[in-house]
Amino acid sequence: KSVEMVFVEFQFLDCSPEELETPVALPKPKPPQRIAFNFRKVVHLDATRHQERREALASMLSSKNPNSAIIKFTVVSEPLGKNKDAECQDVGFAVTDLKQIVKYGKDIIEEDVDVLDSRSSKVIGKLNVSIEMLAALKHILVESKRASRVPL
């Protein structure tokens, strides 16, 4: 049951799952080799067309739940050859926290995040991730605080 080809997917706001996965599966590298998916996703957050997304982000960031603003990236094994009809299997996952972007006042740029085995939670690799949204998160938080003020 060895893993040969992998892709990465994640969930974020109301984006469709198909938009949030790497378009191709690549051969699993042997350590210390790396693979580069070069996958980039822009999620639009403009106030006129995506107010629901902005409100969802504000809620995620202001929640007392420590996991409310976590983005989970899942490394998935793609079935090969004769097993094309077989199910994809989650190999591992990596997480980043949008609250950390706000707390430290900087975007996540080319950060190696531990990939944990889906079954044992042991570190099985690294996922290099960039999340550039500090400016948007700051605006959304300011907007949210303004909206929550009740006039006397």
Protein backbone atom coordinates (compact mmCIF):
# COMPACT_ATOMS: atom_id res chain seq x y z
CA LYS A 1 0.00 0.00 0.00
CA SER A 2 2.79 2.36 -0.89
CA VAL A 3 2.31 5.98 -1.83
CA GLU A 4 3.64 6.90 -5.27
CA MET A 5 1.79 10.01 -6.43
CA VAL A 6 0.57 12.85 -4.20
CA PHE A 7 -1.34 16.09 -4.45
CA VAL A 8 -2.30 18.72 -1.86
CA GLU A 9 -5.73 20.10 -1.03
CA PHE A 10 -7.10 22.51 1.55
CA GLN A 11 -10.40 24.08 2.58
CA PHE A 12 -10.96 27.79 2.91
CA LEU A 13 -14.16 29.76 3.38
CA ASP A 14 -16.75 29.08 0.67
CA CYS A 15 -14.28 28.18 -2.10
CA SER A 16 -15.10 25.02 -4.02
CA PRO A 17 -12.83 22.04 -3.24
CA GLU A 18 -11.77 21.72 -6.89
CA GLU A 19 -10.27 25.22 -6.74
CA LEU A 20 -8.23 24.37 -3.67
CA GLU A 21 -6.21 21.39 -4.79
CA THR A 22 -3.05 21.19 -6.82
CA PRO A 23 -3.99 20.53 -10.45
CA VAL A 24 -1.64 17.55 -10.79
CA ALA A 25 -0.32 14.75 -8.63
CA LEU A 26 3.46 14.45 -8.54
CA PRO A 27 5.73 11.51 -7.70
CA LYS A 28 6.42 11.21 -3.98
CA PRO A 29 10.01 12.29 -3.40
CA LYS A 30 12.60 10.26 -1.57
CA PRO A 31 14.20 12.17 1.34
CA PRO A 32 15.87 14.66 1.15
CA GLN A 33 14.39 15.40 -2.29
CA ARG A 34 11.62 17.95 -2.64
CA ILE A 35 8.76 18.37 -5.08
CA ALA A 36 7.34 21.71 -6.11
CA PHE A 37 3.67 22.00 -6.95
CA ASN A 38 4.02 25.73 -7.65
CA PHE A 39 0.33 26.07 -6.82
CA ARG A 40 -1.04 29.52 -6.16
CA LYS A 41 -4.60 30.43 -5.25
CA VAL A 42 -5.95 33.96 -5.00
CA VAL A 43 -9.10 34.24 -2.88
CA HIS A 44 -10.97 37.46 -3.51
CA LEU A 45 -12.03 39.37 -0.41
CA ASP A 46 -13.29 42.69 -1.78
CA ALA A 47 -16.03 44.24 0.34
CA THR A 48 -18.53 44.78 -2.46
CA ARG A 49 -18.72 41.22 -3.82
CA HIS A 50 -17.41 39.08 -0.96
CA GLN A 51 -18.84 40.53 2.24
CA GLU A 52 -19.82 37.05 3.50
CA ARG A 53 -16.20 35.91 3.23
CA ARG A 54 -15.04 38.98 5.12
CA GLU A 55 -17.59 38.36 7.88
CA ALA A 56 -16.57 34.69 8.09
CA LEU A 57 -12.90 35.69 8.40
CA ALA A 58 -13.71 38.27 11.08
CA SER A 59 -15.58 35.60 13.02
CA MET A 60 -12.70 33.12 12.64
CA LEU A 61 -10.16 35.68 13.85
CA SER A 62 -12.19 36.95 16.80
CA SER A 63 -13.33 33.54 18.06
CA LYS A 64 -12.07 32.32 21.44
CA ASN A 65 -11.68 28.84 19.91
CA PRO A 66 -7.91 28.40 19.36
CA ASN A 67 -8.56 26.35 16.20
CA SER A 68 -11.06 28.71 14.59
CA ALA A 69 -8.61 30.23 12.09
CA ILE A 70 -6.64 27.09 11.21
CA ILE A 71 -6.07 26.24 7.56
CA LYS A 72 -5.44 22.52 7.15
CA PHE A 73 -3.50 21.32 4.12
CA THR A 74 -3.96 17.63 3.34
CA VAL A 75 -1.42 15.57 1.38
CA VAL A 76 -3.37 12.99 -0.59
CA SER A 77 -2.20 9.81 -2.32
CA GLU A 78 -3.60 9.31 -5.79
CA PRO A 79 -4.36 5.74 -6.93
CA LEU A 80 -2.19 4.48 -9.79
CA GLY A 81 -2.46 2.23 -12.81
CA LYS A 82 -5.11 -0.47 -12.57
CA ASN A 83 -6.42 1.02 -9.35
CA LYS A 84 -7.64 4.26 -10.97
CA ASP A 85 -11.10 3.58 -9.47
CA ALA A 86 -9.66 3.21 -5.97
CA GLU A 87 -10.24 5.96 -3.43
CA CYS A 88 -7.67 8.65 -2.79
CA GLN A 89 -6.11 8.30 0.66
CA ASP A 90 -5.12 11.06 3.06
CA VAL A 91 -1.41 10.61 3.75
CA GLY A 92 -0.81 13.51 6.11
CA PHE A 93 -1.69 17.05 6.99
CA ALA A 94 -0.09 20.38 7.82
CA VAL A 95 -1.72 23.34 9.53
CA THR A 96 -1.23 27.09 9.58
CA ASP A 97 -3.06 29.61 11.73
CA LEU A 98 -4.35 32.91 10.36
CA LYS A 99 -4.37 34.29 13.92
CA GLN A 100 -0.57 33.99 13.92
CA ILE A 101 -0.36 36.25 10.87
CA VAL A 102 -2.25 38.95 12.78
CA LYS A 103 -0.45 38.31 16.08
CA TYR A 104 3.05 38.61 14.59
CA GLY A 105 2.11 41.24 11.99
CA LYS A 106 3.60 39.38 9.04
CA ASP A 107 2.55 37.16 6.18
CA ILE A 108 3.67 33.55 6.06
CA ILE A 109 6.29 33.44 3.31
CA GLU A 110 7.95 30.22 2.15
CA GLU A 111 7.51 28.61 5.57
CA ASP A 112 8.22 24.90 5.98
CA VAL A 113 5.31 23.45 7.94
CA ASP A 114 5.46 19.94 9.42
CA VAL A 115 3.34 17.33 7.64
CA LEU A 116 1.95 14.91 10.21
CA ASP A 117 0.98 11.34 9.35
CA SER A 118 -2.83 11.02 9.18
CA ARG A 119 -2.79 7.90 11.37
CA SER A 120 0.07 8.36 13.84
CA SER A 121 0.61 12.15 13.85
CA LYS A 122 4.37 11.58 13.41
CA VAL A 123 6.19 14.13 11.25
CA ILE A 124 6.55 12.60 7.78
CA GLY A 125 7.67 15.63 5.79
CA LYS A 126 7.42 19.36 5.26
CA LEU A 127 5.09 21.49 3.19
CA ASN A 128 6.40 24.86 2.03
CA VAL A 129 3.56 27.35 2.34
CA SER A 130 3.04 31.06 1.74
CA ILE A 131 -0.09 32.89 2.88
CA GLU A 132 -0.10 36.56 1.98
CA MET A 133 -3.09 38.22 3.56
CA LEU A 134 -1.93 40.35 6.50
CA ALA A 135 -3.23 43.59 4.97
CA ALA A 136 -6.64 42.05 4.20
CA LEU A 137 -6.93 40.52 7.68
CA LYS A 138 -6.08 43.85 9.33
CA HIS A 139 -8.71 45.68 7.26
CA ILE A 140 -11.31 43.02 8.01
CA LEU A 141 -10.64 43.22 11.76
CA VAL A 142 -10.86 47.03 11.78
CA GLU A 143 -14.08 46.87 9.75
CA SER A 144 -15.49 44.25 12.12
CA LYS A 145 -14.70 46.33 15.22
CA ARG A 146 -16.36 49.39 13.65
CA ALA A 147 -19.46 47.37 12.78
CA SER A 148 -19.74 45.94 16.30
CA ARG A 149 -19.84 49.37 17.96
CA VAL A 150 -23.36 50.30 18.90
CA PRO A 151 -24.18 54.02 18.68
CA LEU A 152 -25.52 55.55 21.90
